[in-house]
Protein backbone atom coordinates (compact mmCIF):
# COMPACT_ATOMS: atom_id res chain seq x y z
CA MET A 1 15.62 24.82 6.56
CA SER A 2 18.25 22.78 5.78
CA THR A 3 19.18 23.09 1.74
CA PRO A 4 21.04 20.37 0.45
CA PRO A 5 23.99 20.52 -0.81
CA SER A 6 25.12 20.43 -4.57
CA THR A 7 26.67 16.70 -3.79
CA MET A 8 23.74 15.21 -2.78
CA SER A 9 25.00 11.14 -1.72
CA SER A 10 26.69 12.49 1.50
CA TRP A 11 24.12 14.69 2.44
CA LEU A 12 21.40 12.09 1.98
CA ARG A 13 23.36 10.62 4.30
CA ALA A 14 23.57 12.80 6.98
CA GLN A 15 19.98 12.84 7.61
CA PRO A 16 18.45 10.71 10.24
CA SER A 17 16.16 7.21 9.11
CA LEU A 18 14.46 5.23 11.12
CA ILE A 19 13.58 7.68 13.52
CA GLY A 20 10.04 6.47 14.58
CA VAL A 21 9.34 4.22 17.64
CA ALA A 22 8.18 1.17 16.37
CA PRO A 23 5.42 -0.70 18.68
CA VAL A 24 6.90 -3.88 21.01
CA TRP A 25 5.42 -6.82 18.14
CA ASP A 26 5.92 -10.28 19.15
CA ALA A 27 6.56 -11.65 15.01
CA SER A 28 6.17 -15.30 16.41
CA LEU A 29 1.98 -14.63 18.10
CA LEU A 30 0.90 -13.99 14.20
CA PRO A 31 -2.33 -14.60 13.21
CA ASP A 32 -3.07 -16.81 10.03
CA SER A 33 -4.41 -14.18 8.04
CA PRO A 34 -2.48 -11.07 7.12
CA LEU A 35 -6.09 -9.32 6.12
CA GLU A 36 -6.64 -9.28 10.07
CA LEU A 37 -2.93 -8.12 10.89
CA PHE A 38 -3.34 -5.34 8.14
CA ARG A 39 -6.63 -3.96 10.80
CA ASP A 40 -4.55 -4.88 13.39
CA TRP A 41 -0.99 -2.42 11.61
CA ILE A 42 -3.77 0.10 10.39
CA GLY A 43 -5.65 -0.03 13.75
CA ALA A 44 -2.12 1.28 15.71
CA ALA A 45 -1.00 3.52 13.38
CA VAL A 46 -5.11 5.90 13.88
CA ASP A 47 -4.27 5.33 17.42
CA ALA A 48 -0.35 6.57 17.54
CA GLY A 49 -2.08 9.34 15.48
CA VAL A 50 -0.49 8.87 12.01
CA SER A 51 -1.63 11.45 9.89
CA GLU A 52 -3.83 9.59 6.36
CA PRO A 53 -3.37 6.09 7.41
CA HIS A 54 -4.37 4.68 4.51
CA VAL A 55 -2.70 6.83 1.91
CA ALA A 56 -0.87 4.35 0.00
CA THR A 57 1.66 4.39 -2.80
CA LEU A 58 0.67 2.33 -5.90
CA ALA A 59 3.05 0.83 -8.90
CA THR A 60 2.14 0.00 -11.88
CA LEU A 61 4.09 -0.61 -16.18
CA ASP A 62 3.83 1.57 -18.24
CA ALA A 63 3.68 0.78 -22.10
CA ASP A 64 7.03 -0.08 -22.03
CA GLY A 65 7.28 -1.68 -18.98
CA ILE A 66 8.73 1.06 -16.99
CA PRO A 67 7.20 1.24 -13.44
CA ASP A 68 5.08 4.11 -12.69
CA ALA A 69 3.93 5.44 -9.04
CA ARG A 70 1.13 7.51 -7.08
CA ALA A 71 -0.20 8.22 -4.16
CA LEU A 72 -3.96 7.06 -3.79
CA ILE A 73 -6.24 6.59 -0.44
CA LEU A 74 -7.20 2.74 -0.44
CA LYS A 75 -11.12 2.88 -0.53
CA ASP A 76 -11.33 -1.49 1.34
CA VAL A 77 -9.48 -3.83 2.25
CA ASP A 78 -10.97 -7.12 2.33
CA GLU A 79 -10.81 -10.71 1.52
CA ARG A 80 -11.83 -9.14 -2.55
CA GLY A 81 -8.71 -7.73 -2.47
CA TRP A 82 -6.87 -4.25 -1.44
CA ALA A 83 -9.66 -1.19 -3.55
CA PHE A 84 -8.97 1.93 -4.77
CA ALA A 85 -10.00 4.09 -7.48
CA GLY A 86 -9.95 6.48 -10.47
CA PRO A 87 -11.24 8.05 -13.76
CA ARG A 88 -10.94 5.53 -16.36
CA ALA A 89 -8.96 7.22 -18.61
CA SER A 90 -6.11 8.66 -16.60
CA ARG A 91 -3.03 7.10 -16.96
CA LYS A 92 -2.94 4.47 -14.06
CA GLY A 93 -6.61 3.55 -15.97
CA ASP A 94 -4.40 3.05 -19.01
CA GLN A 95 -1.98 1.25 -16.99
CA LEU A 96 -3.87 -0.96 -15.68
CA SER A 97 -5.65 -1.82 -18.46
CA ALA A 98 -2.73 -2.68 -20.47
CA HIS A 99 -0.72 -4.39 -17.74
CA PRO A 100 -3.29 -5.33 -14.63
CA ALA A 101 -0.95 -5.79 -11.83
CA ALA A 102 0.66 -3.97 -9.66
CA ALA A 103 2.14 -3.17 -6.15
CA LEU A 104 1.02 -1.34 -3.13
CA SER A 105 2.71 0.38 -0.30
CA ILE A 106 2.20 2.03 2.92
CA TRP A 107 4.47 3.50 5.25
CA TRP A 108 3.96 4.91 8.71
CA GLN A 109 6.77 6.55 9.97
CA PRO A 110 6.00 7.44 13.39
CA LEU A 111 5.60 3.19 13.63
CA VAL A 112 8.84 2.68 11.78
CA ARG A 113 6.39 0.07 10.02
CA ALA A 114 5.69 -0.78 6.48
CA VAL A 115 3.15 -2.78 4.09
CA ARG A 116 4.21 -4.18 1.07
CA VAL A 117 1.05 -5.97 -1.41
CA ARG A 118 0.97 -7.24 -5.46
CA GLY A 119 -0.73 -8.98 -7.40
CA ARG A 120 -3.04 -8.91 -10.41
CA VAL A 121 -5.67 -5.80 -10.48
CA VAL A 122 -9.52 -6.83 -11.25
CA GLU A 123 -12.29 -4.45 -11.83
CA ALA A 124 -15.02 -4.15 -9.39
CA THR A 125 -19.03 -4.29 -10.36
CA MET A 126 -20.18 -0.92 -12.35
CA GLU A 127 -22.68 -1.37 -9.52
CA GLU A 128 -19.35 -0.74 -6.91
CA SER A 129 -17.95 1.78 -8.74
CA ALA A 130 -21.32 3.71 -8.42
CA ALA A 131 -21.42 3.72 -5.17
CA ASP A 132 -17.32 4.50 -4.73
CA LEU A 133 -18.20 7.66 -6.85
CA ALA A 134 -21.61 8.51 -5.67
CA ALA A 135 -19.72 8.55 -2.15
CA ARG A 136 -17.14 11.17 -3.33
CA SER A 137 -17.73 14.77 -2.42
CA ALA A 138 -20.44 16.63 -4.90
CA ALA A 139 -16.87 18.94 -5.82
CA ALA A 140 -14.91 15.75 -6.40
CA ARG A 141 -17.88 14.22 -8.09
CA ALA A 142 -17.53 17.13 -11.09
CA GLY A 143 -17.56 16.45 -14.36
CA LEU A 144 -17.17 12.06 -13.99
CA GLU A 145 -20.12 10.17 -15.36
CA PRO A 146 -20.25 7.06 -13.52
CA GLY A 147 -18.58 4.89 -16.43
CA ASP A 148 -15.61 6.83 -16.51
CA TRP A 149 -14.88 5.86 -12.72
CA VAL A 150 -13.68 2.60 -11.59
CA LEU A 151 -12.80 0.94 -8.20
CA TRP A 152 -10.03 -1.58 -8.37
CA ARG A 153 -8.80 -4.33 -6.43
CA LEU A 154 -5.45 -5.67 -6.22
CA VAL A 155 -5.82 -9.63 -5.54
CA PRO A 156 -2.82 -10.15 -3.38
CA GLU A 157 0.07 -12.98 -4.29
CA ARG A 158 2.28 -11.56 -1.75
CA ILE A 159 1.63 -9.18 1.58
CA GLU A 160 4.79 -7.97 3.52
CA PHE A 161 4.95 -6.43 6.72
CA TRP A 162 8.19 -4.69 7.77
CA GLN A 163 9.26 -3.35 11.09
CA GLY A 164 11.78 -1.48 10.74
CA SER A 165 14.41 -0.70 13.79
CA SER A 166 17.51 1.21 14.97
CA ASP A 167 20.10 -1.25 14.87
CA ARG A 168 18.72 -2.72 11.54
CA ARG A 169 17.53 -5.92 12.43
CA HIS A 170 14.50 -5.52 10.54
CA ILE A 171 10.86 -7.94 11.00
CA ARG A 172 9.99 -9.42 8.38
CA VAL A 173 7.12 -11.39 7.82
CA VAL A 174 5.52 -12.35 4.40
CA TYR A 175 2.51 -14.00 3.62
CA GLU A 176 1.96 -15.78 0.43
CA ARG A 177 -0.77 -16.84 -1.60
CA ASP A 178 -0.45 -20.84 -1.98
CA GLY A 179 -4.28 -22.27 -3.30
CA GLY A 180 -6.84 -20.87 -1.62
CA ALA A 181 -4.58 -20.61 2.08
CA TRP A 182 -2.00 -17.95 3.03
CA MET A 183 1.05 -19.33 3.84
CA ARG A 184 3.90 -17.15 6.13
CA THR A 185 7.30 -16.91 6.30
CA ASP A 186 8.93 -14.93 9.26
CA ALA A 187 11.93 -13.80 7.43
CA GLY A 188 13.25 -11.94 11.16
CA ALA A 189 15.74 -9.86 11.08
CA ALA A 190 16.23 -8.60 7.29
CA GLY A 191 17.03 -6.15 4.75
CA SER A 192 14.32 -5.15 2.17
């Protein structure tokens, strides 16, 4: 194992990046729906053997407006939003209660692909939250009551698909909500 030196910047710069193998992606042949593209991408991640392709990083804001992030498991992705769950009394729950907006980030390193989602967050129905809790293992349900468990949905306003390239000519496609429709911007090669 390589131990970082006392000066991190040069050591960090020396670490390899974008070492995965990006699939061939013809960004001129894109679906109108970002959900369809996400289904294709997560399916490709599973087919490529990506470990835990359904793990995302959720960023919220604390009471002082400082971002806070944590990894979690996506529960569903559909027209209603990107679903995730947790205890109402958690830090995440407190933050979403005060600031019901968030961002999700997914990174599939072997494919050099990332997906970013941001928008407002709404609570699912009590029945949906209870059903999600019931679907957990007995050990994962221990100590939780249905009213303590919440299924949230991030209702996206913006979804970005990014595919990296070792020559740094990354491909970025952005879908933004325009009323009830999605508008797509093909940003081509761009930075983060």
